[in-house]
Amino acid sequence: MRAAAQGEKWVVEATLPAAHTRAVYAVAWSEKTGRVVSCGGDSKIVVYGEVEEKEGESGEEKADGGKGPGKWQILATTEMGHGPYEVNHVTWCQRFDGKEGEMVVSSGDDGAVRAWEVTE
């Protein structure tokens, strides 16, 4: 990591819903779908999606014309992704079976690497 620049300001754009009961070890964002996946010491793998606003709803307007902080929801959870072991890392990847879409790949303290299909 680099040292913070003088005068650099970080602004929270959104906070994901609480889903983990122990430390979160990894978070990955899908450029393709905009979804986020997280994993941690509680053996959970959680997929989040941004809540789409209905017609007529809007967040606070920012100075740049954008909306306010996004709202997120939990789309999918696997409770024991690697059995009783901690899940150390997750990432999105292209499907390896030729189908459209993405998969989540995870690794855990059980020594396994697992590929997960995330259905809508």
PDB file of N, CA and C in Angstrom:
ATOM      1  N   MET A   1       0.841  -1.175   0.000  1.00  0.00           N
ATOM      2  CA  MET A   1       0.000   0.000   0.000  1.00  0.00           C
ATOM      3  C   MET A   1       0.884   1.236   0.000  1.00  0.00           C
ATOM      4  N   ARG A   2       0.349   2.282  -0.529  1.00  0.00           N
ATOM      5  CA  ARG A   2       1.099   3.532  -0.553  1.00  0.00           C
ATOM      6  C   ARG A   2       0.656   4.416   0.609  1.00  0.00           C
ATOM      7  N   ALA A   3       1.513   5.299   0.991  1.00  0.00           N
ATOM      8  CA  ALA A   3       1.178   6.249   2.048  1.00  0.00           C
ATOM      9  C   ALA A   3       0.131   7.226   1.527  1.00  0.00           C
ATOM     10  N   ALA A   4      -0.753   7.659   2.400  1.00  0.00           N
ATOM     11  CA  ALA A   4      -1.792   8.613   2.006  1.00  0.00           C
ATOM     12  C   ALA A   4      -1.158   9.946   1.620  1.00  0.00           C
ATOM     13  N   ALA A   5      -1.647  10.509   0.541  1.00  0.00           N
ATOM     14  CA  ALA A   5      -1.159  11.814   0.089  1.00  0.00           C
ATOM     15  C   ALA A   5      -1.687  12.899   1.020  1.00  0.00           C
ATOM     16  N   GLN A   6      -0.926  13.958   1.144  1.00  0.00           N
ATOM     17  CA  GLN A   6      -1.371  15.089   1.949  1.00  0.00           C
ATOM     18  C   GLN A   6      -2.681  15.612   1.371  1.00  0.00           C
ATOM     19  N   GLY A   7      -3.672  15.773   2.214  1.00  0.00           N
ATOM     20  CA  GLY A   7      -4.935  16.325   1.763  1.00  0.00           C
ATOM     21  C   GLY A   7      -5.857  15.319   1.090  1.00  0.00           C
ATOM     22  N   GLU A   8      -5.421  14.072   0.968  1.00  0.00           N
ATOM     23  CA  GLU A   8      -6.278  13.056   0.348  1.00  0.00           C
ATOM     24  C   GLU A   8      -7.445  12.768   1.282  1.00  0.00           C
ATOM     25  N   LYS A   9      -8.649  12.691   0.722  1.00  0.00           N
ATOM     26  CA  LYS A   9      -9.834  12.455   1.535  1.00  0.00           C
ATOM     27  C   LYS A   9     -10.587  11.255   0.984  1.00  0.00           C
ATOM     28  N   TRP A  10     -10.882  10.303   1.845  1.00  0.00           N
ATOM     29  CA  TRP A  10     -11.648   9.125   1.463  1.00  0.00           C
ATOM     30  C   TRP A  10     -13.087   9.321   1.923  1.00  0.00           C
ATOM     31  N   VAL A  11     -14.036   8.989   1.059  1.00  0.00           N
ATOM     32  CA  VAL A  11     -15.452   9.155   1.358  1.00  0.00           C
ATOM     33  C   VAL A  11     -16.145   7.806   1.199  1.00  0.00           C
ATOM     34  N   VAL A  12     -16.899   7.387   2.204  1.00  0.00           N
ATOM     35  CA  VAL A  12     -17.645   6.130   2.128  1.00  0.00           C
ATOM     36  C   VAL A  12     -18.787   6.311   1.141  1.00  0.00           C
ATOM     37  N   GLU A  13     -18.821   5.489   0.111  1.00  0.00           N
ATOM     38  CA  GLU A  13     -19.878   5.555  -0.899  1.00  0.00           C
ATOM     39  C   GLU A  13     -21.029   4.612  -0.565  1.00  0.00           C
ATOM     40  N   ALA A  14     -20.736   3.513   0.125  1.00  0.00           N
ATOM     41  CA  ALA A  14     -21.766   2.541   0.482  1.00  0.00           C
ATOM     42  C   ALA A  14     -21.204   1.616   1.554  1.00  0.00           C
ATOM     43  N   THR A  15     -22.095   0.994   2.309  1.00  0.00           N
ATOM     44  CA  THR A  15     -21.717  -0.008   3.292  1.00  0.00           C
ATOM     45  C   THR A  15     -22.547  -1.250   3.016  1.00  0.00           C
ATOM     46  N   LEU A  16     -21.886  -2.384   2.903  1.00  0.00           N
ATOM     47  CA  LEU A  16     -22.592  -3.634   2.636  1.00  0.00           C
ATOM     48  C   LEU A  16     -23.324  -4.096   3.889  1.00  0.00           C
ATOM     49  N   PRO A  17     -24.456  -4.804   3.727  1.00  0.00           N
ATOM     50  CA  PRO A  17     -25.179  -5.318   4.894  1.00  0.00           C
ATOM     51  C   PRO A  17     -24.290  -6.259   5.711  1.00  0.00           C
ATOM     52  N   ALA A  18     -24.444  -6.226   7.024  1.00  0.00           N
ATOM     53  CA  ALA A  18     -23.673  -7.116   7.896  1.00  0.00           C
ATOM     54  C   ALA A  18     -24.084  -8.559   7.632  1.00  0.00           C
ATOM     55  N   ALA A  19     -23.106  -9.404   7.347  1.00  0.00           N
ATOM     56  CA  ALA A  19     -23.397 -10.808   7.071  1.00  0.00           C
ATOM     57  C   ALA A  19     -22.439 -11.740   7.796  1.00  0.00           C
ATOM     58  N   HIS A  20     -21.255 -11.253   8.105  1.00  0.00           N
ATOM     59  CA  HIS A  20     -20.234 -12.096   8.725  1.00  0.00           C
ATOM     60  C   HIS A  20     -20.225 -11.913  10.241  1.00  0.00           C
ATOM     61  N   THR A  21     -19.934 -13.013  10.953  1.00  0.00           N
ATOM     62  CA  THR A  21     -19.865 -12.971  12.412  1.00  0.00           C
ATOM     63  C   THR A  21     -18.425 -12.984  12.916  1.00  0.00           C
ATOM     64  N   ARG A  22     -17.479 -13.164  12.006  1.00  0.00           N
ATOM     65  CA  ARG A  22     -16.055 -13.100  12.339  1.00  0.00           C
ATOM     66  C   ARG A  22     -15.374 -12.219  11.302  1.00  0.00           C
ATOM     67  N   ALA A  23     -14.069 -12.132  11.364  1.00  0.00           N
ATOM     68  CA  ALA A  23     -13.320 -11.236  10.475  1.00  0.00           C
ATOM     69  C   ALA A  23     -13.563 -11.542   9.003  1.00  0.00           C
ATOM     70  N   VAL A  24     -13.634 -10.486   8.197  1.00  0.00           N
ATOM     71  CA  VAL A  24     -13.730 -10.611   6.739  1.00  0.00           C
ATOM     72  C   VAL A  24     -12.304 -10.626   6.204  1.00  0.00           C
ATOM     73  N   TYR A  25     -11.982 -11.651   5.384  1.00  0.00           N
ATOM     74  CA  TYR A  25     -10.617 -11.800   4.871  1.00  0.00           C
ATOM     75  C   TYR A  25     -10.442 -11.300   3.446  1.00  0.00           C
ATOM     76  N   ALA A  26     -11.501 -11.352   2.646  1.00  0.00           N
ATOM     77  CA  ALA A  26     -11.358 -10.929   1.250  1.00  0.00           C
ATOM     78  C   ALA A  26     -12.695 -10.445   0.716  1.00  0.00           C
ATOM     79  N   VAL A  27     -12.616  -9.474  -0.188  1.00  0.00           N
ATOM     80  CA  VAL A  27     -13.780  -8.936  -0.887  1.00  0.00           C
ATOM     81  C   VAL A  27     -13.377  -8.776  -2.342  1.00  0.00           C
ATOM     82  N   ALA A  28     -14.275  -9.151  -3.257  1.00  0.00           N
ATOM     83  CA  ALA A  28     -13.983  -9.006  -4.687  1.00  0.00           C
ATOM     84  C   ALA A  28     -15.204  -8.428  -5.387  1.00  0.00           C
ATOM     85  N   TRP A  29     -14.948  -7.552  -6.348  1.00  0.00           N
ATOM     86  CA  TRP A  29     -15.998  -6.898  -7.129  1.00  0.00           C
ATOM     87  C   TRP A  29     -15.970  -7.440  -8.549  1.00  0.00           C
ATOM     88  N   SER A  30     -17.138  -7.714  -9.107  1.00  0.00           N
ATOM     89  CA  SER A  30     -17.245  -8.180 -10.484  1.00  0.00           C
ATOM     90  C   SER A  30     -17.465  -6.990 -11.404  1.00  0.00           C
ATOM     91  N   GLU A  31     -16.522  -6.763 -12.283  1.00  0.00           N
ATOM     92  CA  GLU A  31     -16.663  -5.689 -13.267  1.00  0.00           C
ATOM     93  C   GLU A  31     -17.818  -5.984 -14.213  1.00  0.00           C
ATOM     94  N   LYS A  32     -18.073  -7.261 -14.450  1.00  0.00           N
ATOM     95  CA  LYS A  32     -19.111  -7.672 -15.397  1.00  0.00           C
ATOM     96  C   LYS A  32     -20.529  -7.439 -14.858  1.00  0.00           C
ATOM     97  N   THR A  33     -20.784  -7.810 -13.593  1.00  0.00           N
ATOM     98  CA  THR A  33     -22.140  -7.725 -13.044  1.00  0.00           C
ATOM     99  C   THR A  33     -22.307  -6.641 -11.987  1.00  0.00           C
ATOM    100  N   GLY A  34     -21.202  -6.132 -11.451  1.00  0.00           N
ATOM    101  CA  GLY A  34     -21.272  -5.150 -10.381  1.00  0.00           C
ATOM    102  C   GLY A  34     -21.512  -5.765  -9.015  1.00  0.00           C
ATOM    103  N   ARG A  35     -21.592  -7.085  -8.954  1.00  0.00           N
ATOM    104  CA  ARG A  35     -21.798  -7.751  -7.671  1.00  0.00           C
ATOM    105  C   ARG A  35     -20.503  -7.775  -6.867  1.00  0.00           C
ATOM    106  N   VAL A  36     -20.658  -7.984  -5.564  1.00  0.00           N
ATOM    107  CA  VAL A  36     -19.521  -8.086  -4.654  1.00  0.00           C
ATOM    108  C   VAL A  36     -19.639  -9.414  -3.919  1.00  0.00           C
ATOM    109  N   VAL A  37     -18.500 -10.076  -3.683  1.00  0.00           N
ATOM    110  CA  VAL A  37     -18.479 -11.313  -2.904  1.00  0.00           C
ATOM    111  C   VAL A  37     -17.475 -11.138  -1.772  1.00  0.00           C
ATOM    112  N   SER A  38     -17.794 -11.696  -0.602  1.00  0.00           N
ATOM    113  CA  SER A  38     -16.890 -11.609   0.544  1.00  0.00           C
ATOM    114  C   SER A  38     -16.763 -12.975   1.207  1.00  0.00           C
ATOM    115  N   CYS A  39     -15.697 -13.134   1.984  1.00  0.00           N
ATOM    116  CA  CYS A  39     -15.500 -14.372   2.738  1.00  0.00           C
ATOM    117  C   CYS A  39     -14.776 -14.040   4.027  1.00  0.00           C
ATOM    118  N   GLY A  40     -14.770 -15.011   4.963  1.00  0.00           N
ATOM    119  CA  GLY A  40     -14.085 -14.720   6.209  1.00  0.00           C
ATOM    120  C   GLY A  40     -13.924 -15.894   7.139  1.00  0.00           C
ATOM    121  N   GLY A  41     -13.586 -15.555   8.372  1.00  0.00           N
ATOM    122  CA  GLY A  41     -13.294 -16.537   9.394  1.00  0.00           C
ATOM    123  C   GLY A  41     -14.500 -17.301   9.899  1.00  0.00           C
ATOM    124  N   ASP A  42     -15.700 -16.912   9.500  1.00  0.00           N
ATOM    125  CA  ASP A  42     -16.921 -17.604   9.919  1.00  0.00           C
ATOM    126  C   ASP A  42     -17.339 -18.688   8.931  1.00  0.00           C
ATOM    127  N   SER A  43     -16.499 -18.997   7.948  1.00  0.00           N
ATOM    128  CA  SER A  43     -16.740 -20.029   6.925  1.00  0.00           C
ATOM    129  C   SER A  43     -17.805 -19.637   5.912  1.00  0.00           C
ATOM    130  N   LYS A  44     -18.248 -18.392   5.919  1.00  0.00           N
ATOM    131  CA  LYS A  44     -19.288 -17.951   4.983  1.00  0.00           C
ATOM    132  C   LYS A  44     -18.687 -17.347   3.722  1.00  0.00           C
ATOM    133  N   ILE A  45     -19.426 -17.523   2.620  1.00  0.00           N
ATOM    134  CA  ILE A  45     -19.185 -16.802   1.375  1.00  0.00           C
ATOM    135  C   ILE A  45     -20.494 -16.082   1.083  1.00  0.00           C
ATOM    136  N   VAL A  46     -20.427 -14.769   0.888  1.00  0.00           N
ATOM    137  CA  VAL A  46     -21.638 -13.961   0.727  1.00  0.00           C
ATOM    138  C   VAL A  46     -21.546 -13.153  -0.560  1.00  0.00           C
ATOM    139  N   VAL A  47     -22.633 -13.175  -1.346  1.00  0.00           N
ATOM    140  CA  VAL A  47     -22.720 -12.385  -2.577  1.00  0.00           C
ATOM    141  C   VAL A  47     -23.714 -11.256  -2.340  1.00  0.00           C
ATOM    142  N   TYR A  48     -23.312 -10.040  -2.713  1.00  0.00           N
ATOM    143  CA  TYR A  48     -24.136  -8.843  -2.547  1.00  0.00           C
ATOM    144  C   TYR A  48     -24.441  -8.233  -3.913  1.00  0.00           C
ATOM    145  N   GLY A  49     -25.599  -7.593  -4.004  1.00  0.00           N
ATOM    146  CA  GLY A  49     -25.953  -6.860  -5.210  1.00  0.00           C
ATOM    147  C   GLY A  49     -26.520  -5.508  -4.835  1.00  0.00           C
ATOM    148  N   GLU A  50     -26.293  -4.532  -5.690  1.00  0.00           N
ATOM    149  CA  GLU A  50     -26.827  -3.201  -5.441  1.00  0.00           C
ATOM    150  C   GLU A  50     -28.325  -3.212  -5.708  1.00  0.00           C
ATOM    151  N   VAL A  51     -29.090  -2.575  -4.833  1.00  0.00           N
ATOM    152  CA  VAL A  51     -30.540  -2.494  -4.973  1.00  0.00           C
ATOM    153  C   VAL A  51     -30.853  -1.499  -6.072  1.00  0.00           C
ATOM    154  N   GLU A  52     -31.642  -1.932  -7.032  1.00  0.00           N
ATOM    155  CA  GLU A  52     -32.032  -1.029  -8.118  1.00  0.00           C
ATOM    156  C   GLU A  52     -33.171  -0.148  -7.642  1.00  0.00           C
ATOM    157  N   GLU A  53     -33.046   1.140  -7.917  1.00  0.00           N
ATOM    158  CA  GLU A  53     -34.095   2.074  -7.516  1.00  0.00           C
ATOM    159  C   GLU A  53     -35.288   1.954  -8.444  1.00  0.00           C
ATOM    160  N   LYS A  54     -36.467   2.079  -7.862  1.00  0.00           N
ATOM    161  CA  LYS A  54     -37.694   2.057  -8.646  1.00  0.00           C
ATOM    162  C   LYS A  54     -37.910   3.420  -9.277  1.00  0.00           C
ATOM    163  N   GLU A  55     -38.730   3.453 -10.314  1.00  0.00           N
ATOM    164  CA  GLU A  55     -39.065   4.709 -10.991  1.00  0.00           C
ATOM    165  C   GLU A  55     -39.547   5.726  -9.964  1.00  0.00           C
ATOM    166  N   GLY A  56     -38.994   6.917  -9.999  1.00  0.00           N
ATOM    167  CA  GLY A  56     -39.418   7.980  -9.097  1.00  0.00           C
ATOM    168  C   GLY A  56     -38.629   8.049  -7.807  1.00  0.00           C
ATOM    169  N   GLU A  57     -37.852   6.979  -7.475  1.00  0.00           N
ATOM    170  CA  GLU A  57     -37.017   7.010  -6.278  1.00  0.00           C
ATOM    171  C   GLU A  57     -35.648   7.540  -6.649  1.00  0.00           C
ATOM    172  N   SER A  58     -35.034   8.216  -5.745  1.00  0.00           N
ATOM    173  CA  SER A  58     -33.661   8.649  -5.993  1.00  0.00           C
ATOM    174  C   SER A  58     -32.967   8.911  -4.677  1.00  0.00           C
ATOM    175  N   GLY A  59     -31.665   8.755  -4.691  1.00  0.00           N
ATOM    176  CA  GLY A  59     -30.862   9.085  -3.523  1.00  0.00           C
ATOM    177  C   GLY A  59     -30.612  10.578  -3.501  1.00  0.00           C
ATOM    178  N   GLU A  60     -29.875  11.010  -2.508  1.00  0.00           N
ATOM    179  CA  GLU A  60     -29.527  12.425  -2.433  1.00  0.00           C
ATOM    180  C   GLU A  60     -28.682  12.794  -3.637  1.00  0.00           C
ATOM    181  N   GLU A  61     -28.894  13.968  -4.153  1.00  0.00           N
ATOM    182  CA  GLU A  61     -28.069  14.451  -5.261  1.00  0.00           C
ATOM    183  C   GLU A  61     -26.731  14.921  -4.727  1.00  0.00           C
ATOM    184  N   LYS A  62     -25.670  14.511  -5.398  1.00  0.00           N
ATOM    185  CA  LYS A  62     -24.338  14.997  -5.044  1.00  0.00           C
ATOM    186  C   LYS A  62     -24.037  16.225  -5.886  1.00  0.00           C
ATOM    187  N   ALA A  63     -22.983  16.933  -5.532  1.00  0.00           N
ATOM    188  CA  ALA A  63     -22.581  18.126  -6.282  1.00  0.00           C
ATOM    189  C   ALA A  63     -22.286  17.798  -7.739  1.00  0.00           C
ATOM    190  N   ASP A  64     -21.789  16.571  -8.004  1.00  0.00           N
ATOM    191  CA  ASP A  64     -21.467  16.196  -9.385  1.00  0.00           C
ATOM    192  C   ASP A  64     -22.677  15.654 -10.147  1.00  0.00           C
ATOM    193  N   GLY A  65     -23.866  15.692  -9.531  1.00  0.00           N
ATOM    194  CA  GLY A  65     -25.081  15.236 -10.200  1.00  0.00           C
ATOM    195  C   GLY A  65     -25.382  13.767  -9.988  1.00  0.00           C
ATOM    196  N   GLY A  66     -24.462  13.029  -9.364  1.00  0.00           N
ATOM    197  CA  GLY A  66     -24.685  11.603  -9.105  1.00  0.00           C
ATOM    198  C   GLY A  66     -25.624  11.401  -7.931  1.00  0.00           C
ATOM    199  N   LYS A  67     -25.964  10.149  -7.670  1.00  0.00           N
ATOM    200  CA  LYS A  67     -26.841   9.818  -6.554  1.00  0.00           C
ATOM    201  C   LYS A  67     -26.038   9.686  -5.273  1.00  0.00           C
ATOM    202  N   GLY A  68     -26.741   9.615  -4.149  1.00  0.00           N
ATOM    203  CA  GLY A  68     -26.109   9.430  -2.850  1.00  0.00           C
ATOM    204  C   GLY A  68     -25.617   8.004  -2.682  1.00  0.00           C
ATOM    205  N   PRO A  69     -25.262   7.639  -1.449  1.00  0.00           N
ATOM    206  CA  PRO A  69     -24.723   6.311  -1.185  1.00  0.00           C
ATOM    207  C   PRO A  69     -25.653   5.211  -1.685  1.00  0.00           C
ATOM    208  N   GLY A  70     -25.059   4.192  -2.312  1.00  0.00           N
ATOM    209  CA  GLY A  70     -25.844   3.079  -2.830  1.00  0.00           C
ATOM    210  C   GLY A  70     -26.346   2.174  -1.719  1.00  0.00           C
ATOM    211  N   LYS A  71     -27.412   1.470  -2.000  1.00  0.00           N
ATOM    212  CA  LYS A  71     -27.961   0.497  -1.059  1.00  0.00           C
ATOM    213  C   LYS A  71     -27.696  -0.888  -1.631  1.00  0.00           C
ATOM    214  N   TRP A  72     -27.292  -1.807  -0.770  1.00  0.00           N
ATOM    215  CA  TRP A  72     -26.924  -3.158  -1.175  1.00  0.00           C
ATOM    216  C   TRP A  72     -27.759  -4.173  -0.417  1.00  0.00           C
ATOM    217  N   GLN A  73     -27.915  -5.359  -1.023  1.00  0.00           N
ATOM    218  CA  GLN A  73     -28.635  -6.447  -0.373  1.00  0.00           C
ATOM    219  C   GLN A  73     -27.841  -7.740  -0.541  1.00  0.00           C
ATOM    220  N   ILE A  74     -28.094  -8.682   0.347  1.00  0.00           N
ATOM    221  CA  ILE A  74     -27.463  -9.996   0.247  1.00  0.00           C
ATOM    222  C   ILE A  74     -28.252 -10.814  -0.759  1.00  0.00           C
ATOM    223  N   LEU A  75     -27.565 -11.334  -1.778  1.00  0.00           N
ATOM    224  CA  LEU A  75     -28.206 -12.135  -2.817  1.00  0.00           C
ATOM    225  C   LEU A  75     -28.061 -13.627  -2.567  1.00  0.00           C
ATOM    226  N   ALA A  76     -26.936 -14.041  -1.998  1.00  0.00           N
ATOM    227  CA  ALA A  76     -26.693 -15.467  -1.763  1.00  0.00           C
ATOM    228  C   ALA A  76     -25.673 -15.625  -0.647  1.00  0.00           C
ATOM    229  N   THR A  77     -25.814 -16.709   0.110  1.00  0.00           N
ATOM    230  CA  THR A  77     -24.868 -17.026   1.179  1.00  0.00           C
ATOM    231  C   THR A  77     -24.664 -18.529   1.223  1.00  0.00           C
ATOM    232  N   THR A  78     -23.427 -18.952   1.378  1.00  0.00           N
ATOM    233  CA  THR A  78     -23.153 -20.342   1.706  1.00  0.00           C
ATOM    234  C   THR A  78     -22.522 -20.329   3.090  1.00  0.00           C
ATOM    235  N   GLU A  79     -23.135 -21.044   4.018  1.00  0.00           N
ATOM    236  CA  GLU A  79     -22.744 -20.983   5.426  1.00  0.00           C
ATOM    237  C   GLU A  79     -21.426 -21.684   5.727  1.00  0.00           C
ATOM    238  N   MET A  80     -21.184 -22.825   5.157  1.00  0.00           N
ATOM    239  CA  MET A  80     -19.980 -23.600   5.459  1.00  0.00           C
ATOM    240  C   MET A  80     -19.243 -23.872   4.157  1.00  0.00           C
ATOM    241  N   GLY A  81     -18.781 -22.812   3.523  1.00  0.00           N
ATOM    242  CA  GLY A  81     -18.163 -22.914   2.206  1.00  0.00           C
ATOM    243  C   GLY A  81     -17.013 -23.897   2.127  1.00  0.00           C
ATOM    244  N   HIS A  82     -16.271 -24.029   3.210  1.00  0.00           N
ATOM    245  CA  HIS A  82     -15.155 -24.979   3.270  1.00  0.00           C
ATOM    246  C   HIS A  82     -15.263 -25.801   4.549  1.00  0.00           C
ATOM    247  N   GLY A  83     -16.489 -26.271   4.824  1.00  0.00           N
ATOM    248  CA  GLY A  83     -16.721 -27.019   6.052  1.00  0.00           C
ATOM    249  C   GLY A  83     -16.537 -26.098   7.247  1.00  0.00           C
ATOM    250  N   PRO A  84     -15.949 -26.607   8.327  1.00  0.00           N
ATOM    251  CA  PRO A  84     -15.760 -25.772   9.514  1.00  0.00           C
ATOM    252  C   PRO A  84     -14.552 -24.834   9.409  1.00  0.00           C
ATOM    253  N   TYR A  85     -13.869 -24.880   8.268  1.00  0.00           N
ATOM    254  CA  TYR A  85     -12.632 -24.118   8.105  1.00  0.00           C
ATOM    255  C   TYR A  85     -12.893 -22.697   7.613  1.00  0.00           C
ATOM    256  N   GLU A  86     -11.952 -21.807   7.921  1.00  0.00           N
ATOM    257  CA  GLU A  86     -12.052 -20.430   7.462  1.00  0.00           C
ATOM    258  C   GLU A  86     -11.902 -20.365   5.949  1.00  0.00           C
ATOM    259  N   VAL A  87     -12.611 -19.416   5.336  1.00  0.00           N
ATOM    260  CA  VAL A  87     -12.489 -19.163   3.896  1.00  0.00           C
ATOM    261  C   VAL A  87     -11.576 -17.946   3.762  1.00  0.00           C
ATOM    262  N   ASN A  88     -10.442 -18.143   3.082  1.00  0.00           N
ATOM    263  CA  ASN A  88      -9.401 -17.119   3.053  1.00  0.00           C
ATOM    264  C   ASN A  88      -9.489 -16.155   1.883  1.00  0.00           C
ATOM    265  N   HIS A  89     -10.000 -16.619   0.755  1.00  0.00           N
ATOM    266  CA  HIS A  89      -9.988 -15.761  -0.429  1.00  0.00           C
ATOM    267  C   HIS A  89     -11.144 -16.122  -1.355  1.00  0.00           C
ATOM    268  N   VAL A  90     -11.686 -15.106  -2.020  1.00  0.00           N
ATOM    269  CA  VAL A  90     -12.696 -15.292  -3.065  1.00  0.00           C
ATOM    270  C   VAL A  90     -12.373 -14.366  -4.219  1.00  0.00           C
ATOM    271  N   THR A  91     -12.750 -14.785  -5.410  1.00  0.00           N
ATOM    272  CA  THR A  91     -12.603 -13.933  -6.589  1.00  0.00           C
ATOM    273  C   THR A  91     -13.624 -14.372  -7.633  1.00  0.00           C
ATOM    274  N   TRP A  92     -13.945 -13.473  -8.537  1.00  0.00           N
ATOM    275  CA  TRP A  92     -14.826 -13.787  -9.661  1.00  0.00           C
ATOM    276  C   TRP A  92     -13.982 -14.312 -10.808  1.00  0.00           C
ATOM    277  N   CYS A  93     -14.538 -15.223 -11.592  1.00  0.00           N
ATOM    278  CA  CYS A  93     -13.826 -15.730 -12.771  1.00  0.00           C
ATOM    279  C   CYS A  93     -14.836 -16.072 -13.859  1.00  0.00           C
ATOM    280  N   GLN A  94     -14.330 -16.159 -15.084  1.00  0.00           N
ATOM    281  CA  GLN A  94     -15.169 -16.598 -16.195  1.00  0.00           C
ATOM    282  C   GLN A  94     -15.527 -18.063 -15.985  1.00  0.00           C
ATOM    283  N   ARG A  95     -16.679 -18.448 -16.459  1.00  0.00           N
ATOM    284  CA  ARG A  95     -17.065 -19.860 -16.370  1.00  0.00           C
ATOM    285  C   ARG A  95     -16.118 -20.693 -17.222  1.00  0.00           C
ATOM    286  N   PHE A  96     -15.796 -21.858 -16.765  1.00  0.00           N
ATOM    287  CA  PHE A  96     -14.884 -22.743 -17.485  1.00  0.00           C
ATOM    288  C   PHE A  96     -15.615 -23.780 -18.320  1.00  0.00           C
ATOM    289  N   ASP A  97     -16.958 -23.777 -18.278  1.00  0.00           N
ATOM    290  CA  ASP A  97     -17.739 -24.757 -19.036  1.00  0.00           C
ATOM    291  C   ASP A  97     -18.336 -24.176 -20.316  1.00  0.00           C
ATOM    292  N   GLY A  98     -17.923 -22.966 -20.679  1.00  0.00           N
ATOM    293  CA  GLY A  98     -18.394 -22.360 -21.918  1.00  0.00           C
ATOM    294  C   GLY A  98     -19.715 -21.625 -21.804  1.00  0.00           C
ATOM    295  N   LYS A  99     -20.397 -21.719 -20.674  1.00  0.00           N
ATOM    296  CA  LYS A  99     -21.665 -21.016 -20.495  1.00  0.00           C
ATOM    297  C   LYS A  99     -21.399 -19.540 -20.209  1.00  0.00           C
ATOM    298  N   GLU A 100     -22.446 -18.729 -20.385  1.00  0.00           N
ATOM    299  CA  GLU A 100     -22.355 -17.295 -20.087  1.00  0.00           C
ATOM    300  C   GLU A 100     -22.292 -17.084 -18.577  1.00  0.00           C
ATOM    301  N   GLY A 101     -21.760 -15.959 -18.191  1.00  0.00           N
ATOM    302  CA  GLY A 101     -21.754 -15.590 -16.784  1.00  0.00           C
ATOM    303  C   GLY A 101     -20.424 -15.820 -16.108  1.00  0.00           C
ATOM    304  N   GLU A 102     -20.452 -15.654 -14.802  1.00  0.00           N
ATOM    305  CA  GLU A 102     -19.247 -15.782 -13.996  1.00  0.00           C
ATOM    306  C   GLU A 102     -19.468 -16.792 -12.879  1.00  0.00           C
ATOM    307  N   MET A 103     -18.371 -17.191 -12.275  1.00  0.00           N
ATOM    308  CA  MET A 103     -18.398 -18.057 -11.105  1.00  0.00           C
ATOM    309  C   MET A 103     -17.566 -17.386 -10.017  1.00  0.00           C
ATOM    310  N   VAL A 104     -17.696 -17.889  -8.808  1.00  0.00           N
ATOM    311  CA  VAL A 104     -16.859 -17.460  -7.692  1.00  0.00           C
ATOM    312  C   VAL A 104     -15.911 -18.608  -7.377  1.00  0.00           C
ATOM    313  N   VAL A 105     -14.634 -18.300  -7.195  1.00  0.00           N
ATOM    314  CA  VAL A 105     -13.648 -19.294  -6.779  1.00  0.00           C
ATOM    315  C   VAL A 105     -13.195 -18.914  -5.379  1.00  0.00           C
ATOM    316  N   SER A 106     -13.134 -19.922  -4.487  1.00  0.00           N
ATOM    317  CA  SER A 106     -12.726 -19.672  -3.107  1.00  0.00           C
ATOM    318  C   SER A 106     -11.619 -20.635  -2.696  1.00  0.00           C
ATOM    319  N   SER A 107     -10.854 -20.210  -1.693  1.00  0.00           N
ATOM    320  CA  SER A 107      -9.848 -21.088  -1.087  1.00  0.00           C
ATOM    321  C   SER A 107      -9.988 -20.983   0.421  1.00  0.00           C
ATOM    322  N   GLY A 108      -9.693 -22.102   1.103  1.00  0.00           N
ATOM    323  CA  GLY A 108      -9.879 -22.108   2.544  1.00  0.00           C
ATOM    324  C   GLY A 108      -8.806 -22.872   3.279  1.00  0.00           C
ATOM    325  N   ASP A 109      -8.921 -22.871   4.601  1.00  0.00           N
ATOM    326  CA  ASP A 109      -7.961 -23.560   5.449  1.00  0.00           C
ATOM    327  C   ASP A 109      -8.053 -25.078   5.337  1.00  0.00           C
ATOM    328  N   ASP A 110      -9.035 -25.588   4.605  1.00  0.00           N
ATOM    329  CA  ASP A 110      -9.106 -27.030   4.357  1.00  0.00           C
ATOM    330  C   ASP A 110      -8.170 -27.444   3.227  1.00  0.00           C
ATOM    331  N   GLY A 111      -7.499 -26.473   2.603  1.00  0.00           N
ATOM    332  CA  GLY A 111      -6.563 -26.760   1.518  1.00  0.00           C
ATOM    333  C   GLY A 111      -7.223 -26.890   0.165  1.00  0.00           C
ATOM    334  N   ALA A 112      -8.529 -26.678   0.091  1.00  0.00           N
ATOM    335  CA  ALA A 112      -9.266 -26.847  -1.163  1.00  0.00           C
ATOM    336  C   ALA A 112      -9.489 -25.513  -1.868  1.00  0.00           C
ATOM    337  N   VAL A 113      -9.580 -25.600  -3.185  1.00  0.00           N
ATOM    338  CA  VAL A 113     -10.012 -24.485  -4.024  1.00  0.00           C
ATOM    339  C   VAL A 113     -11.338 -24.924  -4.616  1.00  0.00           C
ATOM    340  N   ARG A 114     -12.378 -24.124  -4.447  1.00  0.00           N
ATOM    341  CA  ARG A 114     -13.711 -24.505  -4.918  1.00  0.00           C
ATOM    342  C   ARG A 114     -14.246 -23.462  -5.883  1.00  0.00           C
ATOM    343  N   ALA A 115     -14.945 -23.942  -6.912  1.00  0.00           N
ATOM    344  CA  ALA A 115     -15.617 -23.067  -7.879  1.00  0.00           C
ATOM    345  C   ALA A 115     -17.113 -23.140  -7.603  1.00  0.00           C
ATOM    346  N   TRP A 116     -17.749 -21.989  -7.534  1.00  0.00           N
ATOM    347  CA  TRP A 116     -19.169 -21.883  -7.186  1.00  0.00           C
ATOM    348  C   TRP A 116     -19.946 -21.231  -8.323  1.00  0.00           C
ATOM    349  N   GLU A 117     -21.063 -21.844  -8.672  1.00  0.00           N
ATOM    350  CA  GLU A 117     -21.988 -21.225  -9.613  1.00  0.00           C
ATOM    351  C   GLU A 117     -22.939 -20.355  -8.797  1.00  0.00           C
ATOM    352  N   VAL A 118     -23.093 -19.111  -9.199  1.00  0.00           N
ATOM    353  CA  VAL A 118     -24.007 -18.202  -8.512  1.00  0.00           C
ATOM    354  C   VAL A 118     -25.177 -17.962  -9.449  1.00  0.00           C
ATOM    355  N   THR A 119     -26.328 -18.543  -9.117  1.00  0.00           N
ATOM    356  CA  THR A 119     -27.496 -18.400  -9.980  1.00  0.00           C
ATOM    357  C   THR A 119     -28.335 -17.221  -9.527  1.00  0.00           C
ATOM    358  N   GLU A 120     -29.110 -16.695 -10.450  1.00  0.00           N
ATOM    359  CA  GLU A 120     -29.945 -15.528 -10.139  1.00  0.00           C
ATOM    360  C   GLU A 120     -31.261 -15.939  -9.570  1.00  0.00           C
TER     361      GLU A 120
END
